[in-house]
């Protein structure tokens, strides 16, 4: 998602995917000592016409803080990473998932992926779909299909769609078993 003819690279970080899912923000200090705050979902950028710039941090700024807002996700969260080998490999697909549950009912959901775009990808439409639903494998499978319904993979990446669907279902199911 979000690629162009100049850049088809996917974001390699695991940590950034989790920060994106948890609504983190980055605070930075510019060279003229101005403090700025960037929501983590907006920190990384798509390649557009400047594929050599992968984030929205001003030039010469220094990150001074990363904050994760208080939330109710600690007990029901997980990270799933699918990769070619078990050591030091970038994700083919990764999913950070977190649920705020009231019994089996989903109050809030957070879902982000790595290995699918030039930046960690947040699944806002899927999160909204999950809210208020009863947590079940059927609902999670519907969510995974919603996430992938409009994806157009590159010619050699079609395998990533069922892989992503499976990782989303696995991550959401894992959230139910703290």
C-alpha atoms as a PDB file:
ATOM      1  CA  UNK A   1       0.000   0.000   0.000  1.00  0.00           C
ATOM      2  CA  UNK A   2       1.130   3.523  -0.631  1.00  0.00           C
ATOM      3  CA  UNK A   3       3.946   2.580  -2.989  1.00  0.00           C
ATOM      4  CA  UNK A   4       4.884   4.250  -6.257  1.00  0.00           C
ATOM      5  CA  UNK A   5       7.186   3.476  -9.174  1.00  0.00           C
ATOM      6  CA  UNK A   6      10.128   5.117  -7.375  1.00  0.00           C
ATOM      7  CA  UNK A   7       9.842   3.196  -4.101  1.00  0.00           C
ATOM      8  CA  UNK A   8       8.257  -0.131  -3.224  1.00  0.00           C
ATOM      9  CA  UNK A   9      10.159  -0.666   0.046  1.00  0.00           C
ATOM     10  CA  UNK A  10       8.238  -1.666   3.153  1.00  0.00           C
ATOM     11  CA  UNK A  11       8.922  -0.346   6.641  1.00  0.00           C
ATOM     12  CA  UNK A  12      11.237  -2.775   8.518  1.00  0.00           C
ATOM     13  CA  UNK A  13      10.645  -1.845  12.177  1.00  0.00           C
ATOM     14  CA  UNK A  14       8.709  -3.930  14.702  1.00  0.00           C
ATOM     15  CA  UNK A  15       8.774  -1.290  17.437  1.00  0.00           C
ATOM     16  CA  UNK A  16       7.237   1.383  15.201  1.00  0.00           C
ATOM     17  CA  UNK A  17       4.290  -0.860  14.292  1.00  0.00           C
ATOM     18  CA  UNK A  18       3.437  -1.289  17.979  1.00  0.00           C
ATOM     19  CA  UNK A  19       3.816   2.452  18.637  1.00  0.00           C
ATOM     20  CA  UNK A  20       1.496   3.193  15.720  1.00  0.00           C
ATOM     21  CA  UNK A  21      -1.137   0.793  17.060  1.00  0.00           C
ATOM     22  CA  UNK A  22      -0.994   2.340  20.540  1.00  0.00           C
ATOM     23  CA  UNK A  23      -1.482   5.970  19.433  1.00  0.00           C
ATOM     24  CA  UNK A  24       2.000   7.007  20.540  1.00  0.00           C
ATOM     25  CA  UNK A  25       3.386  10.446  19.813  1.00  0.00           C
ATOM     26  CA  UNK A  26       6.894  11.734  19.213  1.00  0.00           C
ATOM     27  CA  UNK A  27       8.151  14.938  20.800  1.00  0.00           C
ATOM     28  CA  UNK A  28      11.133  16.570  19.129  1.00  0.00           C
ATOM     29  CA  UNK A  29      13.208  19.684  19.601  1.00  0.00           C
ATOM     30  CA  UNK A  30      14.006  21.702  16.481  1.00  0.00           C
ATOM     31  CA  UNK A  31      17.349  23.418  15.936  1.00  0.00           C
ATOM     32  CA  UNK A  32      15.759  26.723  17.023  1.00  0.00           C
ATOM     33  CA  UNK A  33      14.666  25.035  20.299  1.00  0.00           C
ATOM     34  CA  UNK A  34      10.990  24.792  19.374  1.00  0.00           C
ATOM     35  CA  UNK A  35       9.272  21.692  20.769  1.00  0.00           C
ATOM     36  CA  UNK A  36       6.977  19.867  18.346  1.00  0.00           C
ATOM     37  CA  UNK A  37       4.721  16.854  18.852  1.00  0.00           C
ATOM     38  CA  UNK A  38       3.913  14.448  16.014  1.00  0.00           C
ATOM     39  CA  UNK A  39       1.327  11.663  16.334  1.00  0.00           C
ATOM     40  CA  UNK A  40       3.188   8.441  15.578  1.00  0.00           C
ATOM     41  CA  UNK A  41       0.645   7.467  12.911  1.00  0.00           C
ATOM     42  CA  UNK A  42       1.860  10.570  11.022  1.00  0.00           C
ATOM     43  CA  UNK A  43       5.561  10.311  11.891  1.00  0.00           C
ATOM     44  CA  UNK A  44       6.507   8.073   8.950  1.00  0.00           C
ATOM     45  CA  UNK A  45       5.480   9.055   5.457  1.00  0.00           C
ATOM     46  CA  UNK A  46       4.681   7.359   2.201  1.00  0.00           C
ATOM     47  CA  UNK A  47       7.228   7.802  -0.617  1.00  0.00           C
ATOM     48  CA  UNK A  48       5.087  10.106  -2.801  1.00  0.00           C
ATOM     49  CA  UNK A  49       7.541  12.358  -4.707  1.00  0.00           C
ATOM     50  CA  UNK A  50      10.270  12.199  -2.039  1.00  0.00           C
ATOM     51  CA  UNK A  51      11.058   8.512  -1.451  1.00  0.00           C
ATOM     52  CA  UNK A  52      14.369   9.416   0.225  1.00  0.00           C
ATOM     53  CA  UNK A  53      12.450  11.080   3.109  1.00  0.00           C
ATOM     54  CA  UNK A  54      10.769   8.440   5.230  1.00  0.00           C
ATOM     55  CA  UNK A  55       9.545  10.568   8.143  1.00  0.00           C
ATOM     56  CA  UNK A  56       8.052  13.980   8.928  1.00  0.00           C
ATOM     57  CA  UNK A  57      10.693  15.015  11.441  1.00  0.00           C
ATOM     58  CA  UNK A  58      12.048  18.462  10.563  1.00  0.00           C
ATOM     59  CA  UNK A  59      15.656  18.517   9.402  1.00  0.00           C
ATOM     60  CA  UNK A  60      18.081  18.923  12.329  1.00  0.00           C
ATOM     61  CA  UNK A  61      15.378  18.094  14.905  1.00  0.00           C
ATOM     62  CA  UNK A  62      16.124  15.651  17.718  1.00  0.00           C
ATOM     63  CA  UNK A  63      13.571  13.265  19.216  1.00  0.00           C
ATOM     64  CA  UNK A  64      13.359  13.928  22.944  1.00  0.00           C
ATOM     65  CA  UNK A  65      10.404  11.779  23.979  1.00  0.00           C
ATOM     66  CA  UNK A  66       7.998   9.082  22.844  1.00  0.00           C
ATOM     67  CA  UNK A  67       4.720   8.901  24.719  1.00  0.00           C
ATOM     68  CA  UNK A  68       2.040   6.223  24.765  1.00  0.00           C
ATOM     69  CA  UNK A  69      -1.243   7.537  26.146  1.00  0.00           C
ATOM     70  CA  UNK A  70      -2.863   5.754  29.045  1.00  0.00           C
ATOM     71  CA  UNK A  71      -5.039   2.938  27.755  1.00  0.00           C
ATOM     72  CA  UNK A  72      -6.733  -0.323  28.704  1.00  0.00           C
ATOM     73  CA  UNK A  73      -4.840  -2.540  26.265  1.00  0.00           C
ATOM     74  CA  UNK A  74      -2.079  -4.038  28.441  1.00  0.00           C
ATOM     75  CA  UNK A  75      -3.928  -7.246  29.301  1.00  0.00           C
ATOM     76  CA  UNK A  76      -5.167  -7.970  25.766  1.00  0.00           C
ATOM     77  CA  UNK A  77      -2.427  -7.128  23.298  1.00  0.00           C
ATOM     78  CA  UNK A  78       0.016  -9.023  21.116  1.00  0.00           C
ATOM     79  CA  UNK A  79       2.490  -8.777  18.275  1.00  0.00           C
ATOM     80  CA  UNK A  80       2.665 -11.329  15.458  1.00  0.00           C
ATOM     81  CA  UNK A  81       5.635 -11.391  13.092  1.00  0.00           C
ATOM     82  CA  UNK A  82       5.944 -13.637  10.052  1.00  0.00           C
ATOM     83  CA  UNK A  83       9.427 -13.803   8.536  1.00  0.00           C
ATOM     84  CA  UNK A  84      11.685 -15.929   6.355  1.00  0.00           C
ATOM     85  CA  UNK A  85      14.048 -16.940   9.152  1.00  0.00           C
ATOM     86  CA  UNK A  86      13.895 -16.775  12.929  1.00  0.00           C
ATOM     87  CA  UNK A  87      16.862 -14.514  13.584  1.00  0.00           C
ATOM     88  CA  UNK A  88      17.416 -10.898  12.539  1.00  0.00           C
ATOM     89  CA  UNK A  89      14.853 -10.896   9.752  1.00  0.00           C
ATOM     90  CA  UNK A  90      12.499  -8.143   8.722  1.00  0.00           C
ATOM     91  CA  UNK A  91       8.827  -9.032   8.798  1.00  0.00           C
ATOM     92  CA  UNK A  92       7.159 -10.295   5.666  1.00  0.00           C
ATOM     93  CA  UNK A  93       4.004  -9.343   7.565  1.00  0.00           C
ATOM     94  CA  UNK A  94       3.585  -8.173  11.144  1.00  0.00           C
ATOM     95  CA  UNK A  95       0.521  -7.236  13.163  1.00  0.00           C
ATOM     96  CA  UNK A  96       0.262  -5.330  16.431  1.00  0.00           C
ATOM     97  CA  UNK A  97      -3.175  -5.852  17.955  1.00  0.00           C
ATOM     98  CA  UNK A  98      -4.767  -4.629  21.165  1.00  0.00           C
ATOM     99  CA  UNK A  99      -8.291  -4.975  22.505  1.00  0.00           C
ATOM    100  CA  UNK A 100     -10.122  -3.259  25.347  1.00  0.00           C
ATOM    101  CA  UNK A 101     -12.746  -5.803  26.350  1.00  0.00           C
ATOM    102  CA  UNK A 102     -15.867  -5.752  28.470  1.00  0.00           C
ATOM    103  CA  UNK A 103     -16.314  -9.482  28.944  1.00  0.00           C
ATOM    104  CA  UNK A 104     -16.307 -10.756  25.341  1.00  0.00           C
ATOM    105  CA  UNK A 105     -17.489  -7.431  23.873  1.00  0.00           C
ATOM    106  CA  UNK A 106     -14.863  -5.218  22.209  1.00  0.00           C
ATOM    107  CA  UNK A 107     -14.950  -1.644  23.540  1.00  0.00           C
ATOM    108  CA  UNK A 108     -11.923  -0.502  21.544  1.00  0.00           C
ATOM    109  CA  UNK A 109      -9.490  -2.120  19.140  1.00  0.00           C
ATOM    110  CA  UNK A 110      -6.092  -1.119  17.792  1.00  0.00           C
ATOM    111  CA  UNK A 111      -4.523  -2.769  14.776  1.00  0.00           C
ATOM    112  CA  UNK A 112      -1.402  -1.908  12.790  1.00  0.00           C
ATOM    113  CA  UNK A 113       0.826  -3.810  10.376  1.00  0.00           C
ATOM    114  CA  UNK A 114       4.384  -3.853   9.152  1.00  0.00           C
ATOM    115  CA  UNK A 115       5.709  -5.339   5.937  1.00  0.00           C
ATOM    116  CA  UNK A 116       2.815  -3.941   3.904  1.00  0.00           C
ATOM    117  CA  UNK A 117       3.711  -0.288   3.253  1.00  0.00           C
ATOM    118  CA  UNK A 118       6.517   2.243   3.402  1.00  0.00           C
ATOM    119  CA  UNK A 119       5.291   3.132   6.904  1.00  0.00           C
ATOM    120  CA  UNK A 120       3.570   1.212   9.698  1.00  0.00           C
ATOM    121  CA  UNK A 121      -0.014   0.829   8.507  1.00  0.00           C
ATOM    122  CA  UNK A 122      -2.921   1.505  10.863  1.00  0.00           C
ATOM    123  CA  UNK A 123      -6.211  -0.248  10.067  1.00  0.00           C
ATOM    124  CA  UNK A 124      -8.680   2.448  11.217  1.00  0.00           C
ATOM    125  CA  UNK A 125     -11.656   1.043   9.291  1.00  0.00           C
ATOM    126  CA  UNK A 126     -11.089  -2.392  10.821  1.00  0.00           C
ATOM    127  CA  UNK A 127     -10.792  -0.935  14.330  1.00  0.00           C
ATOM    128  CA  UNK A 128     -14.126   0.824  13.903  1.00  0.00           C
ATOM    129  CA  UNK A 129     -15.690  -2.384  12.549  1.00  0.00           C
ATOM    130  CA  UNK A 130     -14.549  -4.327  15.649  1.00  0.00           C
ATOM    131  CA  UNK A 131     -15.911  -1.830  18.197  1.00  0.00           C
ATOM    132  CA  UNK A 132     -19.036  -3.119  19.908  1.00  0.00           C
ATOM    133  CA  UNK A 133     -18.742  -6.589  18.387  1.00  0.00           C
ATOM    134  CA  UNK A 134     -18.445  -9.802  20.351  1.00  0.00           C
ATOM    135  CA  UNK A 135     -14.876 -11.094  20.118  1.00  0.00           C
ATOM    136  CA  UNK A 136     -14.974 -14.275  18.042  1.00  0.00           C
ATOM    137  CA  UNK A 137     -13.006 -15.988  15.313  1.00  0.00           C
ATOM    138  CA  UNK A 138     -15.797 -15.250  12.817  1.00  0.00           C
ATOM    139  CA  UNK A 139     -15.668 -11.510  13.607  1.00  0.00           C
ATOM    140  CA  UNK A 140     -11.855 -11.570  13.384  1.00  0.00           C
ATOM    141  CA  UNK A 141     -12.011 -13.278   9.985  1.00  0.00           C
ATOM    142  CA  UNK A 142     -14.472 -10.616   8.780  1.00  0.00           C
ATOM    143  CA  UNK A 143     -12.057  -7.959  10.062  1.00  0.00           C
ATOM    144  CA  UNK A 144      -9.160  -9.534   8.153  1.00  0.00           C
ATOM    145  CA  UNK A 145     -11.149  -9.541   4.912  1.00  0.00           C
ATOM    146  CA  UNK A 146     -12.129  -5.900   5.478  1.00  0.00           C
ATOM    147  CA  UNK A 147      -8.442  -4.983   5.890  1.00  0.00           C
ATOM    148  CA  UNK A 148      -7.478  -6.607   2.611  1.00  0.00           C
ATOM    149  CA  UNK A 149     -10.531  -5.918   0.425  1.00  0.00           C
ATOM    150  CA  UNK A 150      -8.987  -3.050  -1.559  1.00  0.00           C
ATOM    151  CA  UNK A 151      -5.356  -4.143  -1.614  1.00  0.00           C
ATOM    152  CA  UNK A 152      -3.582  -4.379  -4.959  1.00  0.00           C
ATOM    153  CA  UNK A 153      -0.323  -6.243  -4.414  1.00  0.00           C
ATOM    154  CA  UNK A 154       2.721  -6.016  -6.618  1.00  0.00           C
ATOM    155  CA  UNK A 155       3.042  -8.944  -9.036  1.00  0.00           C
ATOM    156  CA  UNK A 156       5.377 -10.916  -6.763  1.00  0.00           C
ATOM    157  CA  UNK A 157       3.527 -10.106  -3.505  1.00  0.00           C
ATOM    158  CA  UNK A 158       0.100 -11.691  -3.970  1.00  0.00           C
ATOM    159  CA  UNK A 159       1.003 -14.260  -1.306  1.00  0.00           C
ATOM    160  CA  UNK A 160       0.997 -11.481   1.297  1.00  0.00           C
ATOM    161  CA  UNK A 161      -2.784 -11.029   1.229  1.00  0.00           C
ATOM    162  CA  UNK A 162      -3.726 -14.422   2.731  1.00  0.00           C
ATOM    163  CA  UNK A 163      -0.660 -14.146   4.960  1.00  0.00           C
ATOM    164  CA  UNK A 164      -1.881 -10.766   6.253  1.00  0.00           C
ATOM    165  CA  UNK A 165      -5.403 -12.092   6.770  1.00  0.00           C
ATOM    166  CA  UNK A 166      -4.064 -15.009   8.788  1.00  0.00           C
ATOM    167  CA  UNK A 167      -1.779 -12.773  10.862  1.00  0.00           C
ATOM    168  CA  UNK A 168      -4.665 -10.422  11.694  1.00  0.00           C
ATOM    169  CA  UNK A 169      -6.896 -13.314  12.806  1.00  0.00           C
ATOM    170  CA  UNK A 170      -4.054 -14.883  14.828  1.00  0.00           C
ATOM    171  CA  UNK A 171      -3.168 -11.591  16.523  1.00  0.00           C
ATOM    172  CA  UNK A 172      -6.764 -10.799  17.442  1.00  0.00           C
ATOM    173  CA  UNK A 173      -7.299 -14.343  18.796  1.00  0.00           C
ATOM    174  CA  UNK A 174      -4.052 -14.083  20.785  1.00  0.00           C
ATOM    175  CA  UNK A 175      -5.385 -10.905  22.419  1.00  0.00           C
ATOM    176  CA  UNK A 176      -8.091 -13.006  24.061  1.00  0.00           C
ATOM    177  CA  UNK A 177      -5.545 -15.156  25.915  1.00  0.00           C
ATOM    178  CA  UNK A 178      -3.419 -12.932  28.165  1.00  0.00           C
END
